[in-house]
């Protein structure tokens, strides 16, 4: 056999072996890559109850009179009595604010009606409490009827007079809740991996849901339910 043919044969065998090895390596790499891409997505919930730390309470009362000057006198007198009652009950003076009274002249709003109202003028006055002292404010709410027995007409049935409770310390509980949600998500993922005879790998991607704050129930709006859900995708391997 000539030298040229031997060289060509050796070259052909080398190319064949090289392509075979390359094909084997590529096949293994594809299998490993496919296995590496196996994943599971799980959710972890963290939820806890927290006491509100701010209360906003609009106290509204009404008055009526046929004399505007006398009506303003009644509003001022009732406002001073309510202020004094609040401060005696532990509400600080700087936690109490006033709005201008809302005065209605009924004679200007009759629109042709022949009937004459008993009182020409009516007034609605709002005194707002903004306080961190939740217990003191709630105690006052229970005893406000004492002033009602003395002739002050409170309007407690409308939306504008409902107290609002806020939870402003979310940053204080965020780190622990995120950690708890992440830990619970991993526990679920580990259980799934165990049941499927797989090994749990690293995190592929993760997203933290928004924190939500709601009343625990309708009768206890000062107790808040704080919750967050973490969604995490883990790699799986055999």
Protein backbone atom coordinates (compact mmCIF):
# COMPACT_ATOMS: atom_id res chain seq x y z
CA UNK A 1 0.00 0.00 0.00
CA UNK A 2 1.36 3.36 -0.93
CA UNK A 3 2.32 5.93 1.64
CA UNK A 4 -0.40 8.29 0.42
CA UNK A 5 -3.13 5.69 0.89
CA UNK A 6 -1.89 4.86 4.41
CA UNK A 7 -1.93 8.53 5.34
CA UNK A 8 -5.45 8.95 3.97
CA UNK A 9 -6.63 5.87 5.88
CA UNK A 10 -5.14 7.12 9.13
CA UNK A 11 -6.70 10.53 8.57
CA UNK A 12 -10.08 8.99 7.88
CA UNK A 13 -9.93 6.84 11.02
CA UNK A 14 -8.90 9.86 13.08
CA UNK A 15 -11.78 11.93 11.75
CA UNK A 16 -14.20 9.07 12.40
CA UNK A 17 -13.01 8.62 15.99
CA UNK A 18 -13.05 12.36 16.56
CA UNK A 19 -16.60 12.74 15.30
CA UNK A 20 -17.69 9.72 17.34
CA UNK A 21 -16.20 11.19 20.52
CA UNK A 22 -17.71 14.57 19.76
CA UNK A 23 -21.10 13.00 19.20
CA UNK A 24 -20.86 11.11 22.47
CA UNK A 25 -19.86 14.22 24.39
CA UNK A 26 -22.60 16.27 22.82
CA UNK A 27 -25.17 13.59 23.58
CA UNK A 28 -24.10 13.44 27.22
CA UNK A 29 -24.07 17.21 27.46
CA UNK A 30 -27.59 17.37 26.04
CA UNK A 31 -28.82 14.76 28.51
CA UNK A 32 -27.17 16.52 31.43
CA UNK A 33 -28.53 19.88 30.29
CA UNK A 34 -32.02 18.45 29.99
CA UNK A 35 -31.76 16.98 33.48
CA UNK A 36 -30.44 20.27 34.78
CA UNK A 37 -33.46 22.06 33.39
CA UNK A 38 -35.88 19.98 35.49
CA UNK A 39 -37.46 22.20 38.11
CA UNK A 40 -40.34 22.58 40.53
CA UNK A 41 -42.20 25.78 41.46
CA UNK A 42 -43.56 26.09 44.99
CA UNK A 43 -45.15 28.75 47.19
CA UNK A 44 -44.50 29.58 50.82
CA UNK A 45 -46.91 31.57 52.99
CA UNK A 46 -46.10 33.68 56.03
CA UNK A 47 -49.01 35.11 58.00
CA UNK A 48 -49.31 36.73 61.41
CA UNK A 49 -51.56 38.95 63.50
CA UNK A 50 -50.33 42.39 64.53
CA UNK A 51 -51.86 45.11 66.65
CA UNK A 52 -52.60 48.36 64.83
CA UNK A 53 -50.39 51.21 65.99
CA UNK A 54 -52.36 54.23 64.71
CA UNK A 55 -56.04 55.06 65.06
CA UNK A 56 -57.87 57.83 63.22
CA UNK A 57 -61.26 58.50 64.77
CA UNK A 58 -63.61 61.22 63.47
CA UNK A 59 -66.14 62.17 66.16
CA UNK A 60 -69.14 63.91 64.62
CA UNK A 61 -72.01 65.68 66.33
CA UNK A 62 -74.90 67.72 64.99
CA UNK A 63 -76.85 70.73 66.24
CA UNK A 64 -79.80 72.79 64.98
CA UNK A 65 -81.15 76.28 65.63
CA UNK A 66 -83.09 79.07 64.00
CA UNK A 67 -80.50 81.62 65.04
CA UNK A 68 -77.08 81.27 63.39
CA UNK A 69 -75.18 83.01 66.18
CA UNK A 70 -76.80 80.78 68.78
CA UNK A 71 -75.95 77.72 66.67
CA UNK A 72 -72.27 78.64 66.58
CA UNK A 73 -72.38 79.10 70.34
CA UNK A 74 -73.79 75.57 70.76
CA UNK A 75 -71.10 74.12 68.48
CA UNK A 76 -68.32 75.85 70.43
CA UNK A 77 -69.72 74.77 73.78
CA UNK A 78 -70.14 71.13 72.72
CA UNK A 79 -66.68 71.09 71.14
CA UNK A 80 -65.08 72.33 74.37
CA UNK A 81 -66.96 69.72 76.41
CA UNK A 82 -65.81 66.92 74.09
CA UNK A 83 -62.21 68.19 74.15
CA UNK A 84 -62.19 68.26 77.94
CA UNK A 85 -63.68 64.76 78.09
CA UNK A 86 -61.06 63.40 75.70
CA UNK A 87 -58.14 64.95 77.55
CA UNK A 88 -59.44 63.67 80.90
CA UNK A 89 -59.56 60.22 79.30
CA UNK A 90 -55.87 60.23 78.37
CA UNK A 91 -55.98 61.68 74.85
CA UNK A 92 -53.23 64.28 74.34
CA UNK A 93 -54.26 67.75 73.19
CA UNK A 94 -52.02 67.56 70.10
CA UNK A 95 -53.82 64.37 69.04
CA UNK A 96 -57.12 66.27 68.68
CA UNK A 97 -57.92 68.42 65.64
CA UNK A 98 -61.00 70.32 64.46
CA UNK A 99 -62.61 70.99 61.13
CA UNK A 100 -64.80 73.96 60.31
CA UNK A 101 -68.46 73.09 60.97
CA UNK A 102 -70.63 72.23 57.99
CA UNK A 103 -73.65 74.60 58.17
CA UNK A 104 -76.81 74.01 56.16
CA UNK A 105 -79.48 76.67 55.66
CA UNK A 106 -82.65 74.70 55.04
CA UNK A 107 -84.66 77.71 53.96
CA UNK A 108 -82.26 78.13 51.02
CA UNK A 109 -82.77 74.50 49.96
CA UNK A 110 -86.55 74.14 49.94
CA UNK A 111 -86.88 74.37 46.14
CA UNK A 112 -90.41 75.66 46.21
CA UNK A 113 -91.63 73.53 49.11
CA UNK A 114 -94.33 75.23 51.16
CA UNK A 115 -93.44 73.37 54.37
CA UNK A 116 -91.28 75.22 56.83
CA UNK A 117 -88.54 73.27 58.66
CA UNK A 118 -88.56 73.34 62.45
CA UNK A 119 -84.99 74.65 62.47
CA UNK A 120 -83.60 76.80 59.71
CA UNK A 121 -79.94 76.00 60.37
CA UNK A 122 -78.28 72.63 61.01
CA UNK A 123 -74.61 72.01 61.68
CA UNK A 124 -72.28 69.02 61.54
CA UNK A 125 -69.02 69.33 63.45
CA UNK A 126 -66.10 66.88 63.18
CA UNK A 127 -63.43 66.42 65.83
CA UNK A 128 -60.67 64.06 64.68
CA UNK A 129 -58.36 62.02 66.89
CA UNK A 130 -55.06 60.80 65.43
CA UNK A 131 -53.29 58.75 68.05
CA UNK A 132 -50.86 55.92 68.74
CA UNK A 133 -52.58 55.20 72.04
CA UNK A 134 -54.98 52.56 70.73
CA UNK A 135 -56.16 51.33 74.14
CA UNK A 136 -56.97 54.82 75.42
CA UNK A 137 -58.96 55.70 72.29
CA UNK A 138 -60.90 52.45 72.36
CA UNK A 139 -61.73 53.08 76.02
CA UNK A 140 -63.09 56.52 75.11
CA UNK A 141 -65.24 55.00 72.36
CA UNK A 142 -66.97 52.85 74.94
CA UNK A 143 -67.74 55.85 77.17
CA UNK A 144 -68.67 58.50 74.61
CA UNK A 145 -72.35 57.81 75.22
CA UNK A 146 -71.92 59.55 78.60
CA UNK A 147 -71.78 62.86 76.71
CA UNK A 148 -74.75 61.80 74.60
CA UNK A 149 -76.82 61.55 77.76
CA UNK A 150 -75.93 65.18 78.46
CA UNK A 151 -77.52 66.36 75.23
CA UNK A 152 -74.80 66.14 72.58
CA UNK A 153 -76.18 64.48 69.44
CA UNK A 154 -73.47 62.23 67.99
CA UNK A 155 -73.81 60.88 64.44
CA UNK A 156 -72.18 57.47 64.69
CA UNK A 157 -74.00 55.62 61.94
CA UNK A 158 -72.43 57.12 58.81
CA UNK A 159 -69.22 56.15 57.05
CA UNK A 160 -67.49 59.44 57.86
CA UNK A 161 -67.57 58.75 61.61
CA UNK A 162 -66.06 55.25 61.49
CA UNK A 163 -62.63 54.80 63.12
CA UNK A 164 -59.73 53.69 60.93
CA UNK A 165 -56.89 51.56 62.27
CA UNK A 166 -53.48 51.49 60.61
CA UNK A 167 -50.47 49.22 60.91
CA UNK A 168 -47.35 51.22 60.03
CA UNK A 169 -44.60 48.91 61.35
CA UNK A 170 -44.48 46.65 58.31
CA UNK A 171 -40.71 47.13 57.90
CA UNK A 172 -40.22 45.72 61.40
CA UNK A 173 -41.77 42.36 60.51
CA UNK A 174 -40.81 42.12 56.83
CA UNK A 175 -37.43 40.33 57.20
CA UNK A 176 -38.77 37.58 59.49
CA UNK A 177 -41.86 37.02 57.36
CA UNK A 178 -39.87 36.78 54.11
CA UNK A 179 -37.51 34.31 55.80
CA UNK A 180 -40.45 32.23 57.02
CA UNK A 181 -42.17 32.23 53.62
CA UNK A 182 -38.91 31.16 51.93
CA UNK A 183 -38.33 28.39 54.48
CA UNK A 184 -41.85 27.02 54.03
CA UNK A 185 -41.47 27.08 50.25
CA UNK A 186 -38.26 25.05 50.54
CA UNK A 187 -39.97 22.53 52.83
CA UNK A 188 -42.64 21.97 50.18
CA UNK A 189 -40.00 21.66 47.46
CA UNK A 190 -37.98 19.15 49.51
CA UNK A 191 -41.11 17.03 50.06
CA UNK A 192 -41.84 17.09 46.33
CA UNK A 193 -38.25 16.14 45.49
CA UNK A 194 -38.34 13.28 48.00
CA UNK A 195 -41.64 11.95 46.66
CA UNK A 196 -40.30 12.05 43.08
CA UNK A 197 -36.97 10.46 44.09
CA UNK A 198 -35.08 13.57 43.02
CA UNK A 199 -32.51 15.84 44.58
CA UNK A 200 -33.39 19.48 45.26
CA UNK A 201 -30.95 21.87 43.65
CA UNK A 202 -30.34 25.59 43.75
CA UNK A 203 -32.95 28.30 43.25
CA UNK A 204 -33.67 28.95 39.57
CA UNK A 205 -35.81 32.01 40.16
CA UNK A 206 -37.78 33.57 43.01
CA UNK A 207 -40.39 36.26 43.44
CA UNK A 208 -41.83 37.81 46.56
CA UNK A 209 -45.51 38.64 46.45
CA UNK A 210 -46.86 41.90 47.81
CA UNK A 211 -47.53 42.20 51.50
CA UNK A 212 -51.22 42.53 52.32
CA UNK A 213 -52.69 44.02 55.48
CA UNK A 214 -56.35 43.44 56.36
CA UNK A 215 -58.60 43.41 59.39
CA UNK A 216 -58.54 40.11 61.23
CA UNK A 217 -62.34 40.22 61.35
CA UNK A 218 -65.16 42.73 61.17
CA UNK A 219 -65.48 43.11 64.94
CA UNK A 220 -61.77 43.65 65.65
CA UNK A 221 -60.42 46.12 63.07
CA UNK A 222 -57.61 47.09 65.47
CA UNK A 223 -56.08 43.61 64.98
CA UNK A 224 -54.47 43.28 61.56
CA UNK A 225 -53.67 40.18 59.53
CA UNK A 226 -50.39 40.58 57.64
CA UNK A 227 -49.48 38.04 54.95
CA UNK A 228 -46.98 37.50 52.15
CA UNK A 229 -46.46 34.66 49.65
CA UNK A 230 -43.04 33.78 48.20
CA UNK A 231 -42.94 31.91 44.87
CA UNK A 232 -39.68 29.99 44.28
CA UNK A 233 -38.55 27.69 41.47
CA UNK A 234 -35.89 25.10 42.34
CA UNK A 235 -33.78 22.92 40.06
CA UNK A 236 -34.25 19.15 40.37
CA UNK A 237 -31.76 16.38 39.61
CA UNK A 238 -31.80 12.58 39.84
